[in-house]
Protein backbone atom coordinates (compact mmCIF):
# COMPACT_ATOMS: atom_id res chain seq x y z
CA UNK A 1 -52.41 8.05 -28.04
CA UNK A 2 -51.59 8.15 -24.37
CA UNK A 3 -47.97 7.29 -25.10
CA UNK A 4 -47.79 10.00 -27.78
CA UNK A 5 -49.07 12.56 -25.26
CA UNK A 6 -46.43 11.53 -22.77
CA UNK A 7 -43.71 11.96 -25.41
CA UNK A 8 -45.00 15.40 -26.42
CA UNK A 9 -45.12 16.55 -22.81
CA UNK A 10 -41.62 15.22 -22.26
CA UNK A 11 -40.25 17.16 -25.22
CA UNK A 12 -42.05 20.33 -24.08
CA UNK A 13 -40.63 19.82 -20.61
CA UNK A 14 -37.16 19.59 -22.05
CA UNK A 15 -37.53 22.76 -24.10
CA UNK A 16 -38.78 24.74 -21.10
CA UNK A 17 -36.27 23.50 -18.55
CA UNK A 18 -33.32 23.57 -20.93
CA UNK A 19 -32.93 27.33 -20.48
CA UNK A 20 -32.03 27.05 -16.78
CA UNK A 21 -29.13 24.69 -17.44
CA UNK A 22 -27.89 26.77 -20.37
CA UNK A 23 -28.06 29.96 -18.31
CA UNK A 24 -25.50 28.53 -15.84
CA UNK A 25 -23.15 27.76 -18.72
CA UNK A 26 -23.68 31.21 -20.27
CA UNK A 27 -22.93 32.89 -16.94
CA UNK A 28 -19.66 30.96 -16.53
CA UNK A 29 -18.63 31.62 -20.15
CA UNK A 30 -19.35 35.33 -19.75
CA UNK A 31 -17.18 35.68 -16.67
CA UNK A 32 -14.36 33.48 -18.02
CA UNK A 33 -12.36 36.23 -19.87
CA UNK A 34 -12.15 38.26 -16.66
CA UNK A 35 -10.43 35.44 -14.76
CA UNK A 36 -6.74 36.41 -14.65
CA UNK A 37 -5.39 33.69 -12.40
CA UNK A 38 -4.41 30.71 -14.65
CA UNK A 39 -5.33 28.14 -12.00
CA UNK A 40 -8.74 29.68 -11.33
CA UNK A 41 -9.34 29.79 -15.09
CA UNK A 42 -8.63 26.04 -15.31
CA UNK A 43 -11.08 25.39 -12.45
CA UNK A 44 -13.77 27.44 -14.21
CA UNK A 45 -13.19 25.60 -17.49
CA UNK A 46 -13.72 22.36 -15.60
CA UNK A 47 -17.00 23.70 -14.15
CA UNK A 48 -18.18 24.65 -17.65
CA UNK A 49 -17.22 21.21 -19.02
CA UNK A 50 -19.13 19.53 -16.17
CA UNK A 51 -22.34 21.42 -17.02
CA UNK A 52 -21.85 20.69 -20.72
CA UNK A 53 -21.79 16.92 -20.05
CA UNK A 54 -25.53 17.23 -19.32
CA UNK A 55 -26.39 19.28 -22.38
CA UNK A 56 -23.74 18.96 -25.13
CA UNK A 57 -21.02 16.32 -25.00
CA UNK A 58 -19.23 17.90 -27.99
CA UNK A 59 -18.88 21.25 -26.21
CA UNK A 60 -17.86 19.47 -23.02
CA UNK A 61 -15.06 17.72 -24.93
CA UNK A 62 -13.77 20.97 -26.46
CA UNK A 63 -13.76 22.71 -23.08
CA UNK A 64 -12.09 19.87 -21.20
CA UNK A 65 -9.35 19.52 -23.82
CA UNK A 66 -8.46 23.17 -23.32
CA UNK A 67 -8.48 22.64 -19.57
CA UNK A 68 -6.16 19.60 -19.82
CA UNK A 69 -3.72 21.53 -22.02
CA UNK A 70 -3.63 24.55 -19.72
CA UNK A 71 -3.32 22.41 -16.58
CA UNK A 72 -0.33 20.53 -17.99
CA UNK A 73 1.39 23.77 -19.04
CA UNK A 74 0.83 25.23 -15.57
CA UNK A 75 1.79 21.96 -13.79
CA UNK A 76 -1.53 22.26 -11.94
CA UNK A 77 -2.12 18.69 -10.77
CA UNK A 78 -5.48 19.28 -9.08
CA UNK A 79 -6.95 20.99 -12.15
CA UNK A 80 -5.50 18.28 -14.41
CA UNK A 81 -6.96 15.50 -12.25
CA UNK A 82 -10.41 17.15 -12.37
CA UNK A 83 -10.19 17.64 -16.15
CA UNK A 84 -9.14 14.03 -16.76
CA UNK A 85 -12.05 12.88 -14.62
CA UNK A 86 -14.49 14.94 -16.73
CA UNK A 87 -12.92 13.51 -19.91
CA UNK A 88 -13.60 10.05 -18.49
CA UNK A 89 -17.25 11.01 -17.94
CA UNK A 90 -17.54 12.22 -21.55
CA UNK A 91 -16.26 8.94 -22.97
CA UNK A 92 -18.42 7.02 -20.51
CA UNK A 93 -21.49 8.79 -21.95
CA UNK A 94 -20.32 7.86 -25.45
CA UNK A 95 -19.92 4.19 -24.41
CA UNK A 96 -16.19 4.38 -25.19
CA UNK A 97 -15.36 2.63 -21.96
CA UNK A 98 -11.74 1.75 -22.70
CA UNK A 99 -10.81 5.40 -23.23
CA UNK A 100 -12.92 6.41 -20.22
CA UNK A 101 -11.04 3.94 -18.02
CA UNK A 102 -7.69 5.29 -19.26
CA UNK A 103 -8.67 8.83 -18.31
CA UNK A 104 -10.04 7.68 -14.96
CA UNK A 105 -6.85 5.84 -14.09
CA UNK A 106 -4.72 8.89 -14.99
CA UNK A 107 -6.96 11.03 -12.81
CA UNK A 108 -6.87 8.47 -9.98
CA UNK A 109 -3.05 8.46 -10.00
CA UNK A 110 -2.95 12.25 -9.64
CA UNK A 111 -5.54 12.26 -6.84
CA UNK A 112 -3.52 9.63 -4.98
CA UNK A 113 -0.34 11.73 -5.35
CA UNK A 114 -2.22 14.78 -4.04
CA UNK A 115 -3.82 12.71 -1.26
CA UNK A 116 -7.16 14.08 -2.47
CA UNK A 117 -9.40 11.39 -0.98
CA UNK A 118 -12.60 13.05 -2.21
CA UNK A 119 -11.40 12.99 -5.84
CA UNK A 120 -10.09 9.45 -5.40
CA UNK A 121 -13.48 8.29 -4.07
CA UNK A 122 -15.32 9.81 -7.06
CA UNK A 123 -13.04 8.06 -9.55
CA UNK A 124 -13.52 4.72 -7.78
CA UNK A 125 -17.27 5.25 -8.03
CA UNK A 126 -17.05 6.01 -11.76
CA UNK A 127 -14.90 2.93 -12.36
CA UNK A 128 -17.50 0.85 -10.52
CA UNK A 129 -20.15 2.12 -12.96
CA UNK A 130 -18.10 1.07 -15.99
CA UNK A 131 -17.23 -2.36 -14.62
CA UNK A 132 -20.91 -2.95 -13.85
CA UNK A 133 -21.76 -2.12 -17.48
CA UNK A 134 -18.99 -4.46 -18.66
CA UNK A 135 -20.53 -7.19 -16.47
CA UNK A 136 -17.39 -7.40 -14.33
CA UNK A 137 -19.54 -7.26 -11.24
CA UNK A 138 -17.06 -8.41 -8.60
CA UNK A 139 -14.52 -5.79 -9.67
CA UNK A 140 -17.25 -3.16 -9.73
CA UNK A 141 -18.31 -4.13 -6.20
CA UNK A 142 -14.72 -3.79 -4.92
CA UNK A 143 -14.41 -0.28 -6.39
CA UNK A 144 -17.81 0.71 -4.97
CA UNK A 145 -16.94 -0.52 -1.47
CA UNK A 146 -13.59 1.30 -1.51
CA UNK A 147 -15.37 4.45 -2.63
CA UNK A 148 -17.93 4.16 0.19
CA UNK A 149 -15.19 3.67 2.80
CA UNK A 150 -13.35 6.81 1.68
CA UNK A 151 -16.54 8.88 1.50
CA UNK A 152 -17.65 7.81 4.96
CA UNK A 153 -14.27 8.82 6.40
CA UNK A 154 -14.68 12.20 4.72
CA UNK A 155 -18.27 12.57 5.93
CA UNK A 156 -19.48 12.82 2.31
CA UNK A 157 -23.11 11.74 2.62
CA UNK A 158 -23.89 12.54 -1.03
CA UNK A 159 -20.87 10.56 -2.20
CA UNK A 160 -21.93 7.57 -0.10
CA UNK A 161 -25.37 7.70 -1.72
CA UNK A 162 -23.81 7.71 -5.21
CA UNK A 163 -21.67 4.68 -4.43
CA UNK A 164 -24.64 2.89 -2.85
CA UNK A 165 -26.28 3.01 -6.27
CA UNK A 166 -23.28 1.15 -7.71
CA UNK A 167 -23.71 -1.44 -4.97
CA UNK A 168 -27.42 -1.60 -5.87
CA UNK A 169 -26.47 -2.25 -9.48
CA UNK A 170 -24.12 -5.04 -8.38
CA UNK A 171 -26.81 -6.72 -6.25
CA UNK A 172 -29.33 -6.35 -9.09
CA UNK A 173 -27.14 -8.06 -11.67
CA UNK A 174 -26.16 -10.85 -9.26
CA UNK A 175 -29.80 -11.62 -8.38
CA UNK A 176 -29.66 -10.36 -4.77
CA UNK A 177 -32.84 -8.31 -5.10
CA UNK A 178 -33.68 -7.76 -1.43
CA UNK A 179 -30.17 -6.39 -0.80
CA UNK A 180 -30.43 -4.31 -3.98
CA UNK A 181 -33.70 -2.73 -2.82
CA UNK A 182 -32.27 -2.03 0.63
CA UNK A 183 -29.19 -0.29 -0.81
CA UNK A 184 -31.29 1.62 -3.38
CA UNK A 185 -33.83 2.82 -0.80
CA UNK A 186 -30.99 3.92 1.52
CA UNK A 187 -29.45 5.93 -1.33
CA UNK A 188 -32.86 7.46 -2.21
CA UNK A 189 -33.46 8.57 1.38
CA UNK A 190 -30.01 10.16 1.51
CA UNK A 191 -30.68 12.05 -1.75
CA UNK A 192 -34.03 13.28 -0.48
CA UNK A 193 -32.47 14.43 2.79
CA UNK A 194 -29.83 16.36 0.83
CA UNK A 195 -32.40 17.67 -1.72
CA UNK A 196 -30.22 16.30 -4.52
CA UNK A 197 -32.56 16.08 -7.51
CA UNK A 198 -30.03 14.39 -9.80
CA UNK A 199 -29.44 11.66 -7.24
CA UNK A 200 -33.16 11.19 -6.66
CA UNK A 201 -33.67 10.61 -10.39
CA UNK A 202 -30.86 8.04 -10.53
CA UNK A 203 -32.10 6.21 -7.42
CA UNK A 204 -35.70 6.02 -8.70
CA UNK A 205 -34.59 4.46 -11.99
CA UNK A 206 -32.28 2.04 -10.20
CA UNK A 207 -35.01 0.86 -7.84
CA UNK A 208 -37.41 0.55 -10.79
CA UNK A 209 -34.93 -1.75 -12.52
CA UNK A 210 -34.79 -4.02 -9.45
CA UNK A 211 -38.58 -4.43 -9.61
CA UNK A 212 -38.42 -4.96 -13.38
CA UNK A 213 -35.91 -7.80 -12.87
CA UNK A 214 -38.41 -9.41 -10.49
CA UNK A 215 -41.12 -8.93 -13.16
CA UNK A 216 -43.11 -6.63 -10.90
CA UNK A 217 -43.92 -4.38 -13.88
CA UNK A 218 -46.52 -2.07 -12.24
CA UNK A 219 -44.14 -1.10 -9.41
CA UNK A 220 -41.24 -0.75 -11.86
CA UNK A 221 -43.37 1.52 -14.09
CA UNK A 222 -44.26 3.74 -11.12
CA UNK A 223 -40.60 4.26 -10.21
CA UNK A 224 -39.61 4.85 -13.86
CA UNK A 225 -42.27 7.57 -14.19
CA UNK A 226 -41.04 9.34 -11.06
CA UNK A 227 -37.45 9.09 -12.30
CA UNK A 228 -38.40 10.50 -15.73
CA UNK A 229 -40.27 13.45 -14.20
CA UNK A 230 -37.34 14.21 -11.93
CA UNK A 231 -34.85 14.05 -14.83
CA UNK A 232 -37.00 16.42 -16.90
CA UNK A 233 -37.15 18.97 -14.08
CA UNK A 234 -33.36 19.13 -13.82
CA UNK A 235 -32.63 18.85 -17.58
CA UNK A 236 -30.57 15.69 -17.10
CA UNK A 237 -30.64 14.39 -20.70
CA UNK A 238 -28.61 11.35 -19.81
CA UNK A 239 -31.25 10.29 -17.30
CA UNK A 240 -34.10 11.23 -19.64
CA UNK A 241 -32.68 8.97 -22.34
CA UNK A 242 -32.10 6.26 -19.73
CA UNK A 243 -35.71 6.59 -18.52
CA UNK A 244 -37.14 6.24 -22.04
CA UNK A 245 -34.95 3.21 -22.62
CA UNK A 246 -36.10 1.66 -19.34
CA UNK A 247 -39.73 2.09 -20.39
CA UNK A 248 -39.00 0.55 -23.79
CA UNK A 249 -37.18 -2.38 -22.20
CA UNK A 250 -40.02 -2.85 -19.71
CA UNK A 251 -42.73 -2.91 -22.39
CA UNK A 252 -40.61 -5.22 -24.52
CA UNK A 253 -40.38 -7.69 -21.64
CA UNK A 254 -44.19 -7.43 -21.20
CA UNK A 255 -44.64 -8.08 -24.95
CA UNK A 256 -46.30 -4.67 -25.44
CA UNK A 257 -44.36 -4.08 -28.62
CA UNK A 258 -46.05 -0.87 -29.84
CA UNK A 259 -45.35 0.94 -26.56
CA UNK A 260 -41.84 -0.49 -26.48
CA UNK A 261 -41.08 0.82 -30.00
CA UNK A 262 -42.39 4.32 -29.16
CA UNK A 263 -40.19 4.66 -26.06
CA UNK A 264 -37.15 3.18 -27.76
CA UNK A 265 -37.48 5.62 -30.67
CA UNK A 266 -37.78 8.47 -28.17
CA UNK A 267 -34.60 7.20 -26.52
CA UNK A 268 -32.75 7.22 -29.84
CA UNK A 269 -33.93 10.75 -30.61
CA UNK A 270 -32.77 12.23 -27.29
CA UNK A 271 -29.55 10.20 -27.20
CA UNK A 272 -28.60 11.10 -30.78
CA UNK A 273 -29.30 14.79 -30.20
CA UNK A 274 -27.05 14.90 -27.13
CA UNK A 275 -24.43 12.36 -28.26
CA UNK A 276 -25.35 9.84 -25.56
CA UNK A 277 -24.08 6.83 -27.48
CA UNK A 278 -24.53 4.26 -24.73
CA UNK A 279 -28.29 4.75 -24.55
CA UNK A 280 -28.56 5.10 -28.35
CA UNK A 281 -26.76 1.81 -28.96
CA UNK A 282 -28.79 -0.12 -26.41
CA UNK A 283 -32.06 1.40 -27.64
CA UNK A 284 -31.23 0.33 -31.22
CA UNK A 285 -30.46 -3.18 -30.04
CA UNK A 286 -33.80 -3.42 -28.20
CA UNK A 287 -35.64 -1.81 -31.13
CA UNK A 288 -34.25 -4.35 -33.59
CA UNK A 289 -35.46 -7.11 -31.24
CA UNK A 290 -38.88 -5.43 -30.99
CA UNK A 291 -39.34 -5.32 -34.77
CA UNK A 292 -38.12 -8.88 -35.06
CA UNK A 293 -40.78 -9.96 -32.53
CA UNK A 294 -43.53 -8.17 -34.49
CA UNK A 295 -42.38 -9.63 -37.80
CA UNK A 296 -41.14 -6.30 -39.24
CA UNK A 297 -37.94 -7.84 -40.51
CA UNK A 298 -37.01 -4.92 -42.77
CA UNK A 299 -37.12 -2.52 -39.83
CA UNK A 300 -35.25 -5.02 -37.69
CA UNK A 301 -32.54 -5.29 -40.36
CA UNK A 302 -32.37 -1.51 -40.70
CA UNK A 303 -31.72 -0.98 -36.98
CA UNK A 304 -29.32 -3.91 -36.86
CA UNK A 305 -27.25 -2.32 -39.62
CA UNK A 306 -27.48 1.11 -38.01
CA UNK A 307 -26.35 -0.45 -34.74
CA UNK A 308 -23.39 -2.11 -36.46
CA UNK A 309 -22.42 1.20 -38.09
CA UNK A 310 -22.52 3.07 -34.78
CA UNK A 311 -20.53 0.36 -33.01
CA UNK A 312 -17.96 0.47 -35.81
CA UNK A 313 -17.80 4.25 -35.49
CA UNK A 314 -17.38 3.99 -31.74
CA UNK A 315 -14.64 1.43 -32.19
CA UNK A 316 -12.84 3.63 -34.72
CA UNK A 317 -13.13 6.73 -32.55
CA UNK A 318 -12.05 4.78 -29.53
CA UNK A 319 -8.95 3.55 -31.34
CA UNK A 320 -8.10 7.08 -32.45
CA UNK A 321 -8.67 8.44 -28.97
CA UNK A 322 -6.51 5.70 -27.51
CA UNK A 323 -3.69 6.64 -29.88
CA UNK A 324 -4.14 10.35 -29.10
CA UNK A 325 -4.23 9.64 -25.39
CA UNK A 326 -1.10 7.52 -25.61
CA UNK A 327 0.64 10.28 -27.59
CA UNK A 328 -0.31 12.93 -25.03
CA UNK A 329 0.86 10.68 -22.20
CA UNK A 330 4.06 9.93 -24.10
CA UNK A 331 4.81 13.63 -24.67
CA UNK A 332 4.03 14.44 -21.05
CA UNK A 333 6.17 11.56 -19.76
CA UNK A 334 8.93 12.48 -22.23
CA UNK A 335 9.10 16.00 -20.78
CA UNK A 336 9.08 14.56 -17.30
CA UNK A 337 11.89 12.19 -18.26
CA UNK A 338 13.95 15.05 -19.76
CA UNK A 339 13.45 17.09 -16.60
CA UNK A 340 14.39 14.09 -14.50
CA UNK A 341 17.48 13.51 -16.67
CA UNK A 342 18.61 17.13 -16.15
CA UNK A 343 18.03 16.77 -12.41
CA UNK A 344 20.09 13.59 -12.36
CA UNK A 345 22.97 15.34 -14.21
CA UNK A 346 22.95 18.21 -11.69
CA UNK A 347 22.77 15.71 -8.82
CA UNK A 348 25.73 13.79 -10.23
CA UNK A 349 27.75 17.01 -10.57
CA UNK A 350 27.05 17.87 -6.95
CA UNK A 351 28.06 14.36 -5.92
CA UNK A 352 31.30 14.61 -7.98
CA UNK A 353 32.21 17.98 -6.42
CA UNK A 354 31.50 16.64 -2.95
CA UNK A 355 33.58 13.53 -3.70
CA UNK A 356 36.59 15.54 -4.92
CA UNK A 357 36.36 17.82 -1.88
CA UNK A 358 36.27 14.84 0.43
CA UNK A 359 39.29 13.27 -1.28
CA UNK A 360 41.29 16.50 -0.89
CA UNK A 361 40.40 16.73 2.80
CA UNK A 362 41.43 13.11 3.34
CA UNK A 363 44.72 13.67 1.45
CA UNK A 364 45.61 16.65 3.68
CA UNK A 365 44.75 14.68 6.81
CA UNK A 366 46.82 11.70 5.67
CA UNK A 367 49.80 13.93 4.77
CA UNK A 368 49.75 15.51 8.20
CA UNK A 369 49.49 12.08 9.76
CA UNK A 370 52.44 10.73 7.77
CA UNK A 371 54.54 13.76 8.73
CA UNK A 372 53.85 13.13 12.40
CA UNK A 373 54.59 9.44 12.01
CA UNK A 374 57.93 10.14 10.27
CA UNK A 375 58.94 12.62 12.96
CA UNK A 376 58.31 10.16 15.78
CA UNK A 377 59.80 7.19 13.88
CA UNK A 378 63.35 7.65 15.31
CA UNK A 379 62.04 7.96 18.88
CA UNK A 380 59.89 4.89 18.41
CA UNK A 381 62.88 2.93 17.06
CA UNK A 382 65.08 3.91 20.02
CA UNK A 383 62.29 3.01 22.42
CA UNK A 384 61.93 -0.39 20.79
CA UNK A 385 65.69 -1.05 21.06
CA UNK A 386 65.67 -0.08 24.71
CA UNK A 387 62.72 -2.34 25.38
CA UNK A 388 64.49 -5.15 23.57
CA UNK A 389 67.58 -4.77 25.80
CA UNK A 390 65.42 -4.76 28.91
CA UNK A 391 63.63 -7.87 27.76
CA UNK A 392 66.96 -9.65 27.10
CA UNK A 393 68.21 -8.69 30.59
CA UNK A 394 64.99 -9.93 32.11
CA UNK A 395 65.37 -13.21 30.24
CA UNK A 396 68.94 -13.70 31.59
CA UNK A 397 67.83 -12.94 35.20
CA UNK A 398 64.89 -15.25 34.76
CA UNK A 399 67.14 -18.11 33.63
CA UNK A 400 69.41 -17.63 36.70
CA UNK A 401 66.43 -17.53 39.02
CA UNK A 402 65.01 -20.65 37.45
CA UNK A 403 68.37 -22.48 37.89
CA UNK A 404 68.67 -21.50 41.56
CA UNK A 405 65.11 -22.41 42.27
CA UNK A 406 65.57 -25.76 40.60
CA UNK A 407 68.62 -26.59 42.79
CA UNK A 408 66.72 -25.51 45.90
CA UNK A 409 63.76 -27.72 45.03
CA UNK A 410 66.14 -30.68 44.37
CA UNK A 411 67.82 -30.21 47.82
CA UNK A 412 64.43 -30.07 49.53
CA UNK A 413 63.35 -33.18 47.72
CA UNK A 414 66.55 -35.00 48.91
CA UNK A 415 65.98 -34.00 52.53
CA UNK A 416 62.35 -35.10 52.31
CA UNK A 417 63.51 -38.47 51.02
CA UNK A 418 66.01 -38.77 53.91
CA UNK A 419 63.30 -37.80 56.40
CA UNK A 420 60.90 -40.39 54.97
CA UNK A 421 63.63 -43.07 55.18
CA UNK A 422 64.61 -42.12 58.72
CA UNK A 423 61.01 -42.09 60.00
CA UNK A 424 60.33 -45.39 58.27
CA UNK A 425 63.25 -47.20 59.95
CA UNK A 426 64.53 -45.37 63.10
CA UNK A 427 61.09 -44.63 64.65
CA UNK A 428 59.69 -48.09 64.02
CA UNK A 429 62.37 -49.89 66.12
CA UNK A 430 61.83 -48.23 69.55
CA UNK A 431 58.12 -48.09 69.02
CA UNK A 432 57.95 -51.83 68.30
CA UNK A 433 59.94 -52.64 71.48
CA UNK A 434 57.63 -50.48 73.62
CA UNK A 435 54.57 -52.20 72.24
CA UNK A 436 56.08 -55.63 72.93
CA UNK A 437 57.02 -54.78 76.52
CA UNK A 438 53.49 -53.47 77.16
CA UNK A 439 52.05 -56.78 76.03
CA UNK A 440 54.45 -58.67 78.39
CA UNK A 441 53.34 -56.49 81.27
CA UNK A 442 49.79 -57.62 80.76
CA UNK A 443 50.66 -61.25 81.48
CA UNK A 444 49.94 -62.20 85.15
CA UNK A 445 52.55 -64.94 85.37
CA UNK A 446 55.39 -62.45 84.83
CA UNK A 447 54.71 -60.27 87.92
CA UNK A 448 58.18 -60.95 89.28
CA UNK A 449 59.69 -59.56 86.07
CA UNK A 450 57.72 -56.29 86.03
CA UNK A 451 60.62 -54.19 87.28
CA UNK A 452 62.82 -55.38 84.47
CA UNK A 453 60.06 -54.72 81.94
CA UNK A 454 59.54 -51.21 83.23
CA UNK A 455 63.24 -50.54 83.06
CA UNK A 456 63.33 -51.64 79.47
CA UNK A 457 60.24 -49.55 78.67
CA UNK A 458 62.06 -46.54 80.00
CA UNK A 459 65.07 -47.31 77.85
CA UNK A 460 62.94 -47.76 74.74
CA UNK A 461 61.03 -44.54 75.49
CA UNK A 462 64.28 -42.63 75.93
CA UNK A 463 65.50 -44.07 72.66
CA UNK A 464 62.22 -43.00 70.93
CA UNK A 465 62.53 -39.53 72.46
CA UNK A 466 66.04 -39.19 71.04
CA UNK A 467 64.79 -40.24 67.61
CA UNK A 468 62.03 -37.60 67.74
CA UNK A 469 64.60 -34.93 68.70
CA UNK A 470 66.71 -35.91 65.69
CA UNK A 471 63.60 -35.60 63.46
CA UNK A 472 62.86 -32.15 64.85
CA UNK A 473 66.44 -31.01 64.16
CA UNK A 474 66.16 -32.25 60.59
CA UNK A 475 62.87 -30.35 60.13
CA UNK A 476 64.42 -27.18 61.52
CA UNK A 477 67.37 -27.44 59.17
CA UNK A 478 64.95 -27.98 56.23
CA UNK A 479 62.99 -24.80 57.12
CA UNK A 480 66.22 -22.79 57.14
CA UNK A 481 66.94 -23.97 53.63
């Protein structure tokens, strides 16, 4: 009975608060026809589509398709990037993750071209969410960290809080619960400081899941209740469905099957009404398990078949959307290629004209050069002949000079030989006699012969002096040569 009362109050809460969200959409729709600027109109369509993602996914899809078409026609990259991002959100809500990723990557490419770091950070955050759901946790963590880095550089406190929840999800699924709680609490405090009610709801549910994984069911229940109340206040149907599912999953883990079935059915009702396929599919899977546990095999089989039908429908729609997306991309790229081809043709024509002009200029310059060369050819030839004659004359003079110098060197060599012969024979004779007489003078017994020895020394000295004079004359005559 208590559970039934909670469900009734929840539905009443939705019906009351739904008007505020719808009034924002109505106001934007009413002012849309008056928007004359095509780019501003695209931006407003994107705003409308964003609000519709919380109330009616079908209307959001219609609006965003119009925005994508108009943005491509206007070559408005920023508007196209925003629209593709919203399309990714729509398919994320429908659990068509492959298509969502395709739209996200297209949007990311445009944001990178525009150097729009804020848009790039949001896409990285959204990709982290999908990879967490696909259990590719390491990849999800990388995207989340990159998103946080960009948002911190931009001073985007709200964006950092959003990405911290992706990090919380990563830590939760990898069993790092203390780190998960720290990241989740940090995100919650940021949301509260910014008075962001949507973020507060998300953070409360995320923290509740960390406690549920640790089997601390009372604490998890408290956080889930706060998250549900917050989601109802802001008409966030995605979070309302997620809250109901969390309660159903929690009661299923605690083997309180009646309560689990009630919350899971409530999840299916809200999710089906608002085309939130991800929560609907998961709720059906848990509900089939719940009935199986209680022995209601017919009900379990019913939900299993319903689940298979929805998954088949999602797969079929996803395939169609993939084909449509590929076709749109192909047409867009084809136009870009045609434009590029035309640009290349024009560029080639410019290059050809420039090439021909350059060739003509070179031909004129070469012609002028050849004319000048031809004119000076005769002068150059005469100059060369004159130089040749001068070189021949120089060669003849050089040969004569070489011959004379050779004879002079030969004469000098002959005189040097004569000088060497003369000094070797003529000088040695007198010198030897002088040396001998000196030795005789040293002998005491020959005192009576000293006068004769001195006389002979004088003769030998005179003879040596004459020889030296002859040598000097020869040297003088050699110098004159």
